C-alpha cells in the first residue's frame, strides 16, 4: 500500500506530536510493507507568522490532494490578541470546512495503565470506560453567522442546522452504536433551543432504520453531570458542534489524560480524513 500523508505540525507541542507520529507510521510501513510519503504544510500560528494568515490556500490544496492529513495542534498565547479572523484556530475551521469532514469521532477510552490517574472513584469507573462521542463538525454555532453592531455594544453567534446535516451525523451515530454496545444517546438542549428540537425530530424519524439500537435523549447540562456521576451508562453520544467540543474534553479527562486520546474527522469517504490528538498546543511543554 502506498499513501500520501499531509503533515501539519502546527504550534506548541504540535511539531513534537507529528514527529513522533511519523516515526510510528514508518515503523508500521516497515513491518507491513507499506510506503508512506509525507508533505509538510503550515497552518495555525506558524502560518500567521510566515504568511499573515492561519490557513494559506496552498496548505489546504495540499491536504485535499493527500490520502490523509495528520495534524499536531494549533494556537498559543502568542496569538491571543490578533483579530478574530486571524486567530490560529481559524485554520481548524478552514480545514474542516474545506475538507468537508463533517463528523468528528472522539473515543474516550481508559487505558489500564492510566486508571490511577482517573479523578473519579473506582466504584464509578469500575473496570474501565469506553465512550465514543460523535460530534457534528461543520455546522452549528462555530459556522453560523456572527458579528457585532456598529456601536460595538452587542455581539452575536448563530446556531443553525439543516435536516440533512443532522441526519448524516445521526446515521453515523447509529451505525457506530451498531458496532459497539448498541446504545445511542443524542445530547441536546431541546427544552430551550429550536435547533435541538430539530435534532430530536430527525432522530425519531430515522430510528426505525436501526431497530437494534437503543435510542435515548439527554439535555447537555445533565449529560455533563452524568459523565462524572455515571459515565458507564454511555456507549455512543451524538451531538452538535459546540456541545461535542465541550463534552469530549470532559470525557477525555475522566479517562486519566486528555493527552493520550486521538480523534478522526471524516467526510463522505471521497476525500481525505483529518487525524489529530484532541489536546491543545501546550506550548509550556513543547520540545
Protein backbone atom coordinates (compact mmCIF):
# COMPACT_ATOMS: atom_id res chain seq x y z
CA UNK A 1 0.00 0.00 0.00
CA UNK A 2 1.29 3.45 -0.95
CA UNK A 3 -0.26 6.54 0.62
CA UNK A 4 0.49 10.24 0.65
CA UNK A 5 0.08 11.95 4.01
CA UNK A 6 -0.05 15.70 4.52
CA UNK A 7 1.57 16.81 7.78
CA UNK A 8 0.54 19.92 9.70
CA UNK A 9 2.91 20.26 12.67
CA UNK A 10 1.26 23.49 13.79
CA UNK A 11 2.23 25.19 17.03
CA UNK A 12 3.44 24.44 20.53
CA UNK A 13 3.74 20.72 21.10
CA UNK A 14 2.28 20.04 17.65
CA UNK A 15 5.63 19.53 15.86
CA UNK A 16 6.69 17.05 18.56
CA UNK A 17 3.45 15.10 18.12
CA UNK A 18 3.77 14.95 14.34
CA UNK A 19 7.45 13.97 14.52
CA UNK A 20 6.71 11.03 16.80
CA UNK A 21 3.63 10.16 14.76
CA UNK A 22 5.66 9.79 11.59
CA UNK A 23 8.11 7.55 13.45
CA UNK A 24 5.21 5.26 14.32
CA UNK A 25 3.95 5.35 10.74
CA UNK A 26 7.41 4.50 9.44
CA UNK A 27 7.58 1.53 11.81
CA UNK A 28 4.18 0.33 10.58
CA UNK A 29 5.28 0.76 6.97
CA UNK A 30 8.46 -1.23 7.55
CA UNK A 31 6.66 -4.05 9.33
CA UNK A 32 3.78 -4.48 6.88
CA UNK A 33 5.38 -3.45 3.60
CA UNK A 34 3.63 -0.11 3.14
CA UNK A 35 5.06 3.09 1.73
CA UNK A 36 4.10 6.46 3.18
CA UNK A 37 5.28 9.73 1.68
CA UNK A 38 4.91 12.98 3.59
CA UNK A 39 4.44 16.61 2.64
CA UNK A 40 4.58 19.23 5.38
CA UNK A 41 2.47 22.39 5.26
CA UNK A 42 1.90 25.32 7.59
CA UNK A 43 -1.32 26.20 9.40
CA UNK A 44 -2.24 27.99 12.60
CA UNK A 45 0.17 30.35 14.32
CA UNK A 46 3.13 29.14 12.27
CA UNK A 47 1.30 30.14 9.09
CA UNK A 48 0.32 33.51 10.57
CA UNK A 49 3.96 34.24 11.36
CA UNK A 50 5.14 33.38 7.85
CA UNK A 51 2.21 34.24 5.59
CA UNK A 52 -0.03 36.50 7.67
CA UNK A 53 -3.00 34.10 7.61
CA UNK A 54 -3.88 30.95 9.58
CA UNK A 55 -4.61 28.69 6.59
CA UNK A 56 -2.95 29.53 3.26
CA UNK A 57 -4.79 28.19 0.23
CA UNK A 58 -1.68 26.23 -0.75
CA UNK A 59 -1.80 24.35 2.56
CA UNK A 60 -5.45 23.44 2.07
CA UNK A 61 -4.82 22.36 -1.53
CA UNK A 62 -2.03 20.03 -0.41
CA UNK A 63 -4.32 18.49 2.20
CA UNK A 64 -7.08 17.92 -0.35
CA UNK A 65 -4.67 16.07 -2.65
CA UNK A 66 -3.39 13.79 0.11
CA UNK A 67 -4.80 10.43 1.20
CA UNK A 68 -4.95 11.60 4.81
CA UNK A 69 -3.89 14.52 6.98
CA UNK A 70 -2.04 14.36 10.30
CA UNK A 71 -2.35 17.48 12.45
CA UNK A 72 -0.37 18.30 15.60
CA UNK A 73 -2.02 21.29 17.30
CA UNK A 74 -2.56 24.99 16.67
CA UNK A 75 -2.71 28.09 18.80
CA UNK A 76 -0.96 29.58 21.79
CA UNK A 77 -0.72 32.73 23.93
CA UNK A 78 1.49 34.39 21.32
CA UNK A 79 -1.54 34.94 19.09
CA UNK A 80 -4.18 35.68 21.75
CA UNK A 81 -4.51 39.33 20.76
CA UNK A 82 -4.70 39.03 16.98
CA UNK A 83 -8.06 39.84 15.30
CA UNK A 84 -10.64 37.07 15.46
CA UNK A 85 -10.47 36.31 11.75
CA UNK A 86 -6.71 35.74 12.04
CA UNK A 87 -6.59 33.56 15.13
CA UNK A 88 -4.75 30.24 14.69
CA UNK A 89 -7.94 28.31 15.47
CA UNK A 90 -9.48 29.65 12.27
CA UNK A 91 -7.20 27.18 10.50
CA UNK A 92 -9.15 24.33 12.09
CA UNK A 93 -12.47 25.68 10.85
CA UNK A 94 -10.97 26.23 7.41
CA UNK A 95 -9.62 22.69 7.26
CA UNK A 96 -12.87 21.13 8.42
CA UNK A 97 -14.99 23.15 6.02
CA UNK A 98 -12.55 22.91 3.12
CA UNK A 99 -12.05 19.17 3.51
CA UNK A 100 -15.79 18.64 4.14
CA UNK A 101 -15.09 16.48 7.18
CA UNK A 102 -18.42 16.78 8.95
CA UNK A 103 -18.05 14.01 11.53
CA UNK A 104 -15.61 14.09 14.43
CA UNK A 105 -15.15 10.75 16.18
CA UNK A 106 -13.71 11.19 19.66
CA UNK A 107 -13.23 7.99 21.67
CA UNK A 108 -12.84 8.30 25.43
CA UNK A 109 -11.09 5.06 26.31
CA UNK A 110 -9.44 4.41 29.65
CA UNK A 111 -6.16 2.57 29.35
CA UNK A 112 -5.46 0.25 32.27
CA UNK A 113 -2.09 1.90 32.83
CA UNK A 114 -3.80 5.27 33.39
CA UNK A 115 -6.60 4.10 35.66
CA UNK A 116 -4.88 5.56 38.72
CA UNK A 117 -4.95 8.99 37.07
CA UNK A 118 -8.74 8.96 36.71
CA UNK A 119 -10.22 11.64 39.02
CA UNK A 120 -13.32 9.52 39.71
CA UNK A 121 -13.78 6.86 42.38
CA UNK A 122 -13.13 3.23 41.49
CA UNK A 123 -16.76 2.30 42.12
CA UNK A 124 -17.82 4.83 39.47
CA UNK A 125 -15.47 3.80 36.66
CA UNK A 126 -15.40 0.10 37.51
CA UNK A 127 -13.16 -1.87 35.16
CA UNK A 128 -12.82 0.99 32.70
CA UNK A 129 -14.51 3.42 30.33
CA UNK A 130 -15.20 3.19 26.61
CA UNK A 131 -17.32 6.03 25.24
CA UNK A 132 -17.48 7.28 21.66
CA UNK A 133 -18.57 10.87 21.07
CA UNK A 134 -19.78 11.59 17.54
CA UNK A 135 -19.57 15.35 17.12
CA UNK A 136 -21.04 17.26 14.19
CA UNK A 137 -18.14 19.31 12.88
CA UNK A 138 -19.07 21.68 10.06
CA UNK A 139 -22.32 23.26 11.22
CA UNK A 140 -23.83 24.89 14.26
CA UNK A 141 -22.63 27.93 16.12
CA UNK A 142 -18.99 27.63 15.02
CA UNK A 143 -20.01 28.08 11.37
CA UNK A 144 -23.11 30.24 11.81
CA UNK A 145 -23.50 33.95 11.24
CA UNK A 146 -21.60 36.10 13.72
CA UNK A 147 -20.87 39.75 14.16
CA UNK A 148 -21.10 42.94 16.19
CA UNK A 149 -23.22 46.04 15.85
CA UNK A 150 -21.82 49.33 14.63
CA UNK A 151 -21.52 50.70 18.17
CA UNK A 152 -19.61 47.60 19.33
CA UNK A 153 -22.06 47.15 22.19
CA UNK A 154 -23.56 43.86 21.02
CA UNK A 155 -22.18 40.64 19.56
CA UNK A 156 -23.86 37.50 18.28
CA UNK A 157 -23.18 33.96 17.11
CA UNK A 158 -25.84 31.85 15.42
CA UNK A 159 -26.63 28.17 15.95
CA UNK A 160 -28.07 26.90 12.66
CA UNK A 161 -28.59 23.35 11.37
CA UNK A 162 -30.34 21.81 8.39
CA UNK A 163 -32.08 18.45 8.49
CA UNK A 164 -29.57 16.85 6.07
CA UNK A 165 -26.67 17.97 8.28
CA UNK A 166 -28.33 16.47 11.33
CA UNK A 167 -29.39 13.25 9.62
CA UNK A 168 -25.95 12.37 8.28
CA UNK A 169 -24.28 12.74 11.68
CA UNK A 170 -27.05 10.86 13.47
CA UNK A 171 -26.87 8.00 10.99
CA UNK A 172 -23.16 7.74 11.71
CA UNK A 173 -24.01 7.69 15.40
CA UNK A 174 -26.50 4.86 14.91
CA UNK A 175 -24.07 2.91 12.72
CA UNK A 176 -21.29 3.34 15.27
CA UNK A 177 -23.59 2.10 18.04
CA UNK A 178 -24.45 -0.99 15.98
CA UNK A 179 -20.76 -1.95 16.09
CA UNK A 180 -20.49 -1.39 19.85
CA UNK A 181 -22.99 -1.80 22.71
CA UNK A 182 -25.98 -0.71 20.59
CA UNK A 183 -26.86 2.38 22.63
CA UNK A 184 -27.06 5.89 21.21
CA UNK A 185 -27.67 8.98 23.34
CA UNK A 186 -28.46 12.20 21.49
CA UNK A 187 -27.37 15.15 23.62
CA UNK A 188 -29.08 18.50 23.06
CA UNK A 189 -30.84 21.40 24.77
CA UNK A 190 -34.29 20.75 23.34
CA UNK A 191 -36.08 22.39 26.27
CA UNK A 192 -34.66 25.74 25.12
CA UNK A 193 -33.18 25.61 21.61
CA UNK A 194 -35.23 25.23 18.43
CA UNK A 195 -32.25 23.68 16.64
CA UNK A 196 -32.07 21.00 19.34
CA UNK A 197 -35.74 20.18 18.87
CA UNK A 198 -34.97 19.53 15.21
CA UNK A 199 -32.20 17.11 16.27
CA UNK A 200 -34.80 15.13 18.22
CA UNK A 201 -37.27 15.17 15.35
CA UNK A 202 -34.69 13.82 12.91
CA UNK A 203 -33.53 11.14 15.35
CA UNK A 204 -37.11 9.96 15.85
CA UNK A 205 -37.72 9.94 12.09
CA UNK A 206 -34.82 7.57 11.32
CA UNK A 207 -34.66 5.38 14.43
CA UNK A 208 -36.71 2.59 12.83
CA UNK A 209 -33.85 2.06 10.38
CA UNK A 210 -31.78 0.94 13.36
CA UNK A 211 -34.14 -1.20 15.41
CA UNK A 212 -31.24 -2.94 17.17
CA UNK A 213 -30.05 0.35 18.71
CA UNK A 214 -31.50 1.76 21.92
CA UNK A 215 -32.08 5.49 21.39
CA UNK A 216 -32.20 7.99 24.25
CA UNK A 217 -32.06 11.75 24.65
CA UNK A 218 -30.38 13.88 27.30
CA UNK A 219 -30.04 17.60 27.91
CA UNK A 220 -26.44 18.76 27.66
CA UNK A 221 -26.25 20.09 31.22
CA UNK A 222 -27.43 16.74 32.56
CA UNK A 223 -25.01 14.93 30.25
CA UNK A 224 -22.12 16.95 31.67
CA UNK A 225 -23.17 15.85 35.15
CA UNK A 226 -23.80 12.21 34.20
CA UNK A 227 -20.34 11.89 32.63
CA UNK A 228 -18.83 12.28 36.09
CA UNK A 229 -21.67 10.68 38.05
CA UNK A 230 -22.21 7.53 35.98
CA UNK A 231 -20.09 7.52 32.79
CA UNK A 232 -20.54 3.79 32.17
CA UNK A 233 -24.17 4.37 31.16
CA UNK A 234 -22.94 5.82 27.86
CA UNK A 235 -21.92 3.95 24.72
CA UNK A 236 -22.19 6.40 21.80
CA UNK A 237 -23.08 10.07 22.21
CA UNK A 238 -24.11 12.08 19.15
CA UNK A 239 -24.33 15.83 19.48
CA UNK A 240 -23.81 19.23 17.92
CA UNK A 241 -20.55 21.00 17.23
CA UNK A 242 -20.22 23.08 20.39
CA UNK A 243 -21.72 20.53 22.78
CA UNK A 244 -19.44 17.85 21.35
CA UNK A 245 -16.41 20.09 21.71
CA UNK A 246 -17.08 20.58 25.41
CA UNK A 247 -18.29 17.11 26.38
CA UNK A 248 -15.48 15.29 24.58
CA UNK A 249 -12.87 17.21 26.57
CA UNK A 250 -14.69 16.35 29.79
CA UNK A 251 -14.97 12.69 28.79
CA UNK A 252 -11.31 12.51 27.87
CA UNK A 253 -10.18 13.89 31.21
CA UNK A 254 -12.04 11.28 33.22
CA UNK A 255 -10.09 8.59 31.37
CA UNK A 256 -6.92 9.82 33.07
CA UNK A 257 -5.27 12.08 30.50
CA UNK A 258 -6.51 14.22 27.64
CA UNK A 259 -3.03 13.85 26.16
CA UNK A 260 -3.47 10.17 25.33
CA UNK A 261 -6.58 10.36 23.16
CA UNK A 262 -6.99 10.87 19.43
CA UNK A 263 -9.74 11.97 17.10
CA UNK A 264 -10.70 11.38 13.48
CA UNK A 265 -12.59 13.90 11.37
CA UNK A 266 -14.25 12.21 8.42
CA UNK A 267 -16.45 13.12 5.47
CA UNK A 268 -18.36 11.05 2.95
CA UNK A 269 -15.34 8.93 2.04
CA UNK A 270 -14.48 10.71 -1.20
CA UNK A 271 -11.73 12.84 0.35
CA UNK A 272 -9.03 12.51 2.99
CA UNK A 273 -9.67 12.31 6.70
CA UNK A 274 -8.12 14.61 9.30
CA UNK A 275 -6.42 12.92 12.27
CA UNK A 276 -5.18 14.69 15.37
CA UNK A 277 -4.83 14.47 19.15
CA UNK A 278 -7.68 16.16 20.98
CA UNK A 279 -5.49 18.23 23.31
CA UNK A 280 -4.31 21.78 22.72
CA UNK A 281 -0.91 23.12 21.74
CA UNK A 282 0.54 23.04 25.30
CA UNK A 283 3.40 25.46 24.50
CA UNK A 284 4.72 25.20 28.06
CA UNK A 285 5.86 21.61 27.45
CA UNK A 286 6.83 21.90 23.78
CA UNK A 287 10.19 20.37 22.93
